[in-house]
Amino acid sequence: MAEKKASNAGYNYFVLVPTILLIGLGLVVVYSASSHLAAYRMGDSYYYLKRQAFFCVAGVGLMILARYIPCTLYSRLVYPLLLVSFGLLVILLIPGAGHKVGGACRWLRWKGVSFQPSELAKFSLAVFMAYSMAKKGVNIKTFSRGLLPHLLVVGAFMVFILFQPDLGTVLILGGWILLVLFVGGVRFWQLFSLMALSVPIIFWLVWNADYRLKRWVAFLNPWEDPNGMGFQIIHSFLAFGSGGIFGAGLGNSKQKLFYLPEPHTDFVLPIVGEELGLLGVTAIIVLFGILIISGIRVALKARDLYSSYLAFGLTCMIGLQVMVNMGVVMGLLPTKGLPLPFISSGGSSLIINLLSIGVLLNISSRT
């Protein structure tokens, strides 16, 4: 009887409400940031808004479905999920199979709809890590059964994502696996050694790619090349600075008028800062803060280790992407193309993040 009551519990509104508010705000901001660009490129000022609305409907439908699917189902499908995700990443390396944007081949495209396999890979790895760590129990503390097998699996995904190339997602996954393994009980000295070994590899990857090195130089001093690599971050600063406390008003951004490149995707937060000011940016930060804290609370209250690890892994993945995107647009991190969850225009990220929220809601209903 208690089991039936737990499985029929209602929605966790501390998870659901911030998510819905962020989605709604994202629709408004995407239209405001993209209307001029869409009219110029597509001849339809509502083009990006309609795409985002379509993905919102699909994502919310998937979220509701995931709310009622027992999270144990994912553990039974963990290896098929991994194989499908890995296979899609391999397909991207086949000449002509992937869709290139800006020199990077990160999307599969079919009949005008693009999908980014690395987003599905994040979800699949979260399921795998939760299943594997819960299964290993106290053996997680040993190197051969704790750190090594998880590092090999996640490392294989990271290598293929790096070939796209997409160093930003690789670094996100690297930071994510360290946090998840630390929570799972892997010894700190092992994780610290792994971080120390990773630093020269990251340095080599940056040094041997001219565009990455230029981004790092632009991060240190964007005004050295204001019309080149420093152009985007400088106009991000201008957007935040001109917004002040209350903003210039919704729709009144100047930087979105062909100054800030792609203002509706990775750099959507500066448009919020310009139009809605410090108050608007603070509201978004507060909503994300509530969502992330609530996700961690779900993990702490979960009734089994697998559910706890899964809730923490999914929450951590969303939280890291939020922190990195905000760090980039505020000049605290080098420029990297990572969307702001629920806000930035883009279907793959939005749908997978809403799927993750659905899983969190399911775990929360069964505590």
Protein backbone atom coordinates (compact mmCIF):
# COMPACT_ATOMS: atom_id res chain seq x y z
CA MET A 1 0.00 0.00 0.00
CA ALA A 2 2.86 2.33 0.89
CA GLU A 3 4.55 1.51 -2.43
CA LYS A 4 1.41 2.40 -4.38
CA LYS A 5 1.00 5.65 -2.48
CA ALA A 6 4.64 6.61 -3.15
CA SER A 7 4.40 5.89 -6.85
CA ASN A 8 1.27 8.05 -7.18
CA ALA A 9 2.69 11.08 -5.39
CA GLY A 10 2.23 14.46 -7.07
CA TYR A 11 4.69 16.70 -8.83
CA ASN A 12 7.66 18.30 -7.07
CA TYR A 13 6.83 21.94 -7.69
CA PHE A 14 10.27 23.13 -6.60
CA VAL A 15 11.56 21.28 -9.67
CA LEU A 16 8.60 21.80 -12.01
CA VAL A 17 7.79 25.49 -11.47
CA PRO A 18 11.33 26.89 -12.07
CA THR A 19 11.56 24.70 -15.18
CA ILE A 20 8.27 26.00 -16.62
CA LEU A 21 9.19 29.60 -15.80
CA LEU A 22 12.59 29.22 -17.47
CA ILE A 23 10.98 27.71 -20.58
CA GLY A 24 8.43 30.52 -20.78
CA LEU A 25 11.08 33.18 -20.29
CA GLY A 26 13.21 31.42 -22.90
CA LEU A 27 10.45 31.67 -25.51
CA VAL A 28 10.07 35.39 -24.88
CA VAL A 29 13.80 36.06 -24.95
CA VAL A 30 14.43 33.90 -28.03
CA TYR A 31 11.82 35.85 -29.98
CA SER A 32 13.13 39.19 -28.80
CA ALA A 33 16.74 38.26 -29.57
CA SER A 34 16.12 36.58 -32.92
CA SER A 35 13.24 38.44 -34.63
CA HIS A 36 15.45 40.81 -36.66
CA LEU A 37 17.92 38.04 -37.51
CA ALA A 38 15.12 35.68 -38.54
CA ALA A 39 13.51 38.32 -40.74
CA TYR A 40 16.86 38.96 -42.44
CA ARG A 41 17.83 35.29 -42.91
CA MET A 42 14.48 33.53 -43.31
CA GLY A 43 12.05 36.29 -44.26
CA ASP A 44 9.97 35.39 -41.18
CA SER A 45 10.59 37.18 -37.88
CA TYR A 46 8.82 34.35 -36.02
CA TYR A 47 10.98 31.57 -37.50
CA TYR A 48 13.18 30.85 -34.45
CA LEU A 49 10.27 31.38 -32.07
CA LYS A 50 8.18 28.77 -33.89
CA ARG A 51 11.07 26.30 -33.85
CA GLN A 52 11.65 26.85 -30.15
CA ALA A 53 7.92 26.53 -29.40
CA PHE A 54 7.81 23.23 -31.29
CA PHE A 55 10.75 21.84 -29.30
CA CYS A 56 9.18 23.12 -26.06
CA VAL A 57 5.95 21.22 -26.76
CA ALA A 58 7.89 18.06 -27.69
CA GLY A 59 10.15 18.41 -24.65
CA VAL A 60 7.32 19.02 -22.19
CA GLY A 61 5.46 16.01 -23.60
CA LEU A 62 8.58 13.89 -23.08
CA MET A 63 8.99 15.31 -19.57
CA ILE A 64 5.43 14.34 -18.62
CA LEU A 65 5.95 10.87 -20.08
CA ALA A 66 9.23 10.43 -18.17
CA ARG A 67 7.48 11.51 -14.97
CA TYR A 68 5.36 8.34 -15.09
CA ILE A 69 8.02 5.91 -16.37
CA PRO A 70 9.81 4.14 -13.48
CA CYS A 71 13.44 5.19 -13.48
CA THR A 72 14.40 1.52 -13.07
CA LEU A 73 13.48 1.07 -16.74
CA TYR A 74 16.53 3.13 -17.73
CA SER A 75 18.80 0.84 -15.72
CA ARG A 76 17.50 -2.15 -17.66
CA LEU A 77 18.17 -0.30 -20.91
CA VAL A 78 21.51 1.17 -19.88
CA TYR A 79 23.68 -0.74 -22.35
CA PRO A 80 21.36 -0.28 -25.36
CA LEU A 81 21.27 3.44 -24.50
CA LEU A 82 25.07 3.55 -24.42
CA LEU A 83 25.39 1.67 -27.72
CA VAL A 84 22.89 3.90 -29.52
CA SER A 85 24.52 7.08 -28.19
CA PHE A 86 28.01 5.86 -29.07
CA GLY A 87 26.87 4.70 -32.50
CA LEU A 88 25.43 8.14 -33.30
CA LEU A 89 28.75 9.74 -32.34
CA VAL A 90 30.57 7.32 -34.64
CA ILE A 91 28.21 8.14 -37.53
CA LEU A 92 29.22 11.80 -37.25
CA LEU A 93 32.76 10.82 -38.26
CA ILE A 94 31.57 9.27 -41.54
CA PRO A 95 32.24 11.82 -44.33
CA GLY A 96 29.01 13.45 -45.45
CA ALA A 97 26.88 11.88 -42.70
CA GLY A 98 26.98 14.79 -40.27
CA HIS A 99 25.84 18.38 -40.64
CA LYS A 100 28.62 20.96 -40.32
CA VAL A 101 28.13 24.36 -38.71
CA GLY A 102 31.10 26.71 -38.31
CA GLY A 103 33.61 23.98 -39.13
CA ALA A 104 32.31 21.56 -36.48
CA CYS A 105 30.37 18.40 -37.36
CA ARG A 106 28.16 17.92 -34.28
CA TRP A 107 24.68 17.41 -35.77
CA LEU A 108 22.78 14.75 -37.63
CA ARG A 109 20.23 16.31 -39.97
CA TRP A 110 17.15 14.69 -41.49
CA LYS A 111 14.40 16.52 -43.40
CA GLY A 112 15.37 19.88 -41.93
CA VAL A 113 15.50 18.64 -38.32
CA SER A 114 18.90 18.56 -36.61
CA PHE A 115 19.88 16.45 -33.62
CA GLN A 116 23.05 16.67 -31.55
CA PRO A 117 24.14 13.15 -30.45
CA SER A 118 26.35 14.49 -27.65
CA GLU A 119 23.20 15.63 -25.80
CA LEU A 120 21.81 12.08 -25.78
CA ALA A 121 25.27 10.86 -24.75
CA LYS A 122 25.11 13.02 -21.62
CA PHE A 123 21.83 11.43 -20.56
CA SER A 124 23.04 7.90 -21.37
CA LEU A 125 26.23 8.40 -19.37
CA ALA A 126 24.25 9.69 -16.39
CA VAL A 127 22.15 6.49 -16.44
CA PHE A 128 25.25 4.32 -16.85
CA MET A 129 27.16 5.97 -14.02
CA ALA A 130 24.19 5.71 -11.64
CA TYR A 131 23.61 2.04 -12.50
CA SER A 132 27.28 1.08 -12.32
CA MET A 133 28.14 2.92 -9.10
CA ALA A 134 25.08 1.57 -7.29
CA LYS A 135 25.93 -1.96 -8.44
CA LYS A 136 29.55 -1.80 -7.30
CA GLY A 137 28.76 -0.64 -3.76
CA VAL A 138 31.85 -0.47 -1.54
CA ASN A 139 34.02 -1.76 -4.40
CA ILE A 140 33.76 1.74 -5.88
CA LYS A 141 36.73 2.68 -3.67
CA THR A 142 39.11 0.33 -5.50
CA PHE A 143 40.91 1.64 -8.58
CA SER A 144 40.25 -1.42 -10.76
CA ARG A 145 36.49 -1.47 -10.08
CA GLY A 146 35.84 2.14 -9.16
CA LEU A 147 37.72 4.71 -11.19
CA LEU A 148 39.11 2.69 -14.12
CA PRO A 149 35.98 1.14 -15.74
CA HIS A 150 34.00 4.39 -15.49
CA LEU A 151 36.91 6.38 -16.85
CA LEU A 152 37.26 4.03 -19.83
CA VAL A 153 33.58 4.26 -20.78
CA VAL A 154 33.21 8.02 -20.34
CA GLY A 155 36.67 8.56 -21.86
CA ALA A 156 35.65 6.72 -25.04
CA PHE A 157 32.68 9.06 -25.45
CA MET A 158 34.89 12.09 -24.76
CA VAL A 159 37.37 11.05 -27.48
CA PHE A 160 34.68 10.81 -30.16
CA ILE A 161 33.13 14.11 -29.06
CA LEU A 162 36.58 15.68 -29.26
CA PHE A 163 36.87 14.56 -32.90
CA GLN A 164 33.81 16.69 -33.87
CA PRO A 165 35.58 18.89 -32.53
CA ASP A 166 33.85 19.94 -29.29
CA LEU A 167 36.32 20.55 -26.48
CA GLY A 168 33.72 22.42 -24.41
CA THR A 169 31.45 19.38 -24.03
CA VAL A 170 34.51 17.22 -23.30
CA LEU A 171 35.50 19.54 -20.44
CA ILE A 172 31.92 19.55 -19.13
CA LEU A 173 31.93 15.73 -19.11
CA GLY A 174 35.34 15.72 -17.46
CA GLY A 175 34.22 17.97 -14.61
CA TRP A 176 30.95 16.07 -14.34
CA ILE A 177 32.52 12.62 -13.97
CA LEU A 178 34.87 13.91 -11.26
CA LEU A 179 31.92 15.23 -9.23
CA VAL A 180 29.81 12.10 -9.74
CA LEU A 181 32.67 9.74 -8.82
CA PHE A 182 33.49 11.84 -5.75
CA VAL A 183 29.88 11.58 -4.56
CA GLY A 184 29.93 7.87 -5.39
CA GLY A 185 32.86 7.27 -3.03
CA VAL A 186 35.95 7.13 -5.26
CA ARG A 187 39.01 8.07 -3.25
CA PHE A 188 39.99 11.73 -3.46
CA TRP A 189 43.65 11.06 -4.25
CA GLN A 190 42.63 9.10 -7.34
CA LEU A 191 40.46 11.96 -8.59
CA PHE A 192 43.15 14.52 -7.79
CA SER A 193 45.73 12.46 -9.71
CA LEU A 194 43.33 12.28 -12.65
CA MET A 195 42.91 16.06 -12.64
CA ALA A 196 46.67 16.58 -12.48
CA LEU A 197 47.19 14.28 -15.48
CA SER A 198 44.43 16.04 -17.42
CA VAL A 199 45.96 19.53 -17.18
CA PRO A 200 48.87 18.96 -19.65
CA ILE A 201 46.50 17.18 -22.06
CA ILE A 202 44.10 20.15 -22.04
CA PHE A 203 47.04 22.53 -22.48
CA TRP A 204 48.26 20.50 -25.47
CA LEU A 205 44.79 20.48 -27.06
CA VAL A 206 44.54 24.26 -26.75
CA TRP A 207 48.10 24.94 -27.90
CA ASN A 208 47.80 22.78 -31.01
CA ALA A 209 44.56 24.29 -32.30
CA ASP A 210 44.97 27.83 -33.56
CA TYR A 211 41.33 28.84 -33.00
CA ARG A 212 41.38 27.56 -29.41
CA LEU A 213 44.58 29.45 -28.68
CA LYS A 214 43.06 32.63 -30.12
CA ARG A 215 40.00 32.17 -27.91
CA TRP A 216 42.25 31.87 -24.86
CA VAL A 217 44.16 35.01 -25.84
CA ALA A 218 40.84 36.81 -26.39
CA PHE A 219 39.71 35.66 -22.95
CA LEU A 220 42.80 37.15 -21.32
CA ASN A 221 42.59 40.44 -23.28
CA PRO A 222 39.61 40.76 -25.65
CA TRP A 223 40.50 44.39 -26.49
CA GLU A 224 43.72 43.24 -28.16
CA ASP A 225 41.59 42.06 -31.12
CA PRO A 226 38.28 43.94 -30.77
CA ASN A 227 37.15 43.27 -34.35
CA GLY A 228 38.25 39.62 -34.35
CA MET A 229 38.25 37.02 -31.58
CA GLY A 230 37.39 39.63 -28.93
CA PHE A 231 34.37 40.96 -30.83
CA GLN A 232 31.74 38.65 -29.32
CA ILE A 233 32.74 38.97 -25.66
CA ILE A 234 33.19 42.76 -25.95
CA HIS A 235 29.64 43.16 -27.25
CA SER A 236 28.47 40.83 -24.49
CA PHE A 237 30.01 43.26 -22.00
CA LEU A 238 28.34 46.18 -23.77
CA ALA A 239 24.96 44.44 -23.56
CA PHE A 240 25.27 43.77 -19.83
CA GLY A 241 26.64 47.25 -19.14
CA SER A 242 23.98 49.16 -21.06
CA GLY A 243 21.16 47.26 -19.35
CA GLY A 244 21.83 48.69 -15.92
CA ILE A 245 19.56 47.59 -13.08
CA PHE A 246 16.17 47.68 -14.80
CA GLY A 247 17.17 47.20 -18.47
CA ALA A 248 16.28 49.08 -21.64
CA GLY A 249 12.95 47.28 -21.92
CA LEU A 250 11.86 44.09 -23.64
CA GLY A 251 12.65 44.27 -27.37
CA ASN A 252 14.91 47.34 -27.04
CA SER A 253 18.29 45.63 -27.24
CA LYS A 254 20.84 47.29 -29.55
CA GLN A 255 23.42 44.47 -29.46
CA LYS A 256 21.01 41.99 -31.07
CA LEU A 257 20.90 44.22 -34.18
CA PHE A 258 23.72 42.34 -35.95
CA TYR A 259 26.36 43.30 -33.37
CA LEU A 260 26.34 40.27 -31.06
CA PRO A 261 26.64 37.13 -33.27
CA GLU A 262 23.88 34.53 -32.80
CA PRO A 263 22.21 36.39 -29.91
CA HIS A 264 19.45 33.78 -29.54
CA THR A 265 21.76 30.81 -28.86
CA ASP A 266 24.86 30.74 -26.64
CA PHE A 267 24.89 34.49 -25.92
CA VAL A 268 21.22 34.92 -25.07
CA LEU A 269 21.91 35.96 -21.46
CA PRO A 270 23.55 39.29 -22.44
CA ILE A 271 20.35 40.17 -24.32
CA VAL A 272 18.42 39.47 -21.12
CA GLY A 273 20.85 41.72 -19.28
CA GLU A 274 20.42 44.51 -21.81
CA GLU A 275 16.62 44.34 -22.02
CA LEU A 276 15.67 43.27 -18.48
CA GLY A 277 18.72 44.51 -16.62
CA LEU A 278 20.32 43.14 -13.48
CA LEU A 279 16.90 42.21 -12.13
CA GLY A 280 16.16 39.96 -15.11
CA VAL A 281 19.54 38.21 -14.93
CA THR A 282 19.17 37.80 -11.16
CA ALA A 283 15.73 36.25 -11.63
CA ILE A 284 17.18 33.66 -14.02
CA ILE A 285 20.04 32.87 -11.61
CA VAL A 286 17.55 32.46 -8.73
CA LEU A 287 15.35 30.13 -10.80
CA PHE A 288 18.34 27.98 -11.75
CA GLY A 289 19.49 28.03 -8.11
CA ILE A 290 16.10 26.76 -6.91
CA LEU A 291 16.07 24.07 -9.61
CA ILE A 292 19.59 22.81 -8.86
CA ILE A 293 19.14 22.83 -5.07
CA SER A 294 15.82 21.02 -5.47
CA GLY A 295 17.45 18.43 -7.73
CA ILE A 296 20.12 17.78 -5.10
CA ARG A 297 17.39 17.44 -2.44
CA VAL A 298 15.67 14.86 -4.64
CA ALA A 299 18.96 12.95 -4.83
CA LEU A 300 19.40 13.07 -1.04
CA LYS A 301 15.87 11.82 -0.39
CA ALA A 302 15.81 9.09 -3.06
CA ARG A 303 14.87 5.66 -1.75
CA ASP A 304 17.81 3.75 -3.31
CA LEU A 305 21.38 4.41 -4.40
CA TYR A 306 20.68 4.11 -8.11
CA SER A 307 17.92 6.74 -8.01
CA SER A 308 20.06 8.99 -5.83
CA TYR A 309 23.06 8.81 -8.16
CA LEU A 310 20.85 9.32 -11.22
CA ALA A 311 19.15 12.40 -9.74
CA PHE A 312 22.50 13.87 -8.73
CA GLY A 313 24.10 13.13 -12.10
CA LEU A 314 21.29 14.74 -14.11
CA THR A 315 21.13 17.78 -11.80
CA CYS A 316 24.90 18.17 -11.90
CA MET A 317 24.92 18.01 -15.71
CA ILE A 318 22.37 20.84 -15.98
CA GLY A 319 24.11 22.88 -13.28
CA LEU A 320 27.54 22.65 -14.91
CA GLN A 321 26.17 23.80 -18.26
CA VAL A 322 24.49 26.77 -16.56
CA MET A 323 27.70 27.75 -14.78
CA VAL A 324 29.87 27.43 -17.89
CA ASN A 325 27.48 29.38 -20.14
CA MET A 326 27.16 32.20 -17.60
CA GLY A 327 30.91 32.20 -17.03
CA VAL A 328 31.58 32.53 -20.76
CA VAL A 329 29.15 35.39 -21.46
CA MET A 330 30.41 37.28 -18.39
CA GLY A 331 34.05 36.90 -19.44
CA LEU A 332 34.98 34.56 -16.60
CA LEU A 333 35.75 31.66 -18.97
CA PRO A 334 37.07 31.44 -22.56
CA THR A 335 34.41 31.63 -25.29
CA LYS A 336 32.78 28.26 -25.97
CA GLY A 337 29.59 27.32 -27.76
CA LEU A 338 27.45 25.88 -24.96
CA PRO A 339 23.74 26.78 -24.70
CA LEU A 340 22.03 28.08 -21.57
CA PRO A 341 19.64 25.26 -20.57
CA PHE A 342 15.92 25.97 -21.18
CA ILE A 343 16.69 29.52 -22.40
CA SER A 344 18.89 29.29 -25.50
CA SER A 345 17.41 28.41 -28.87
CA GLY A 346 18.10 24.79 -29.77
CA GLY A 347 16.13 21.56 -29.84
CA SER A 348 18.52 18.79 -28.74
CA SER A 349 19.60 20.45 -25.52
CA LEU A 350 16.07 21.54 -24.59
CA ILE A 351 14.50 18.11 -25.19
CA ILE A 352 17.20 16.16 -23.31
CA ASN A 353 17.14 18.61 -20.39
CA LEU A 354 13.35 18.31 -20.15
CA LEU A 355 13.70 14.53 -20.25
CA SER A 356 16.11 14.86 -17.32
CA ILE A 357 13.57 16.98 -15.43
CA GLY A 358 10.94 14.31 -16.05
CA VAL A 359 13.25 11.69 -14.52
CA LEU A 360 13.84 13.95 -11.50
CA LEU A 361 10.08 14.34 -11.06
CA ASN A 362 9.64 10.57 -11.17
CA ILE A 363 12.37 9.97 -8.58
CA SER A 364 10.90 12.70 -6.38
CA SER A 365 7.43 11.14 -6.55
CA ARG A 366 8.79 7.83 -5.29
CA THR A 367 10.79 9.01 -2.26
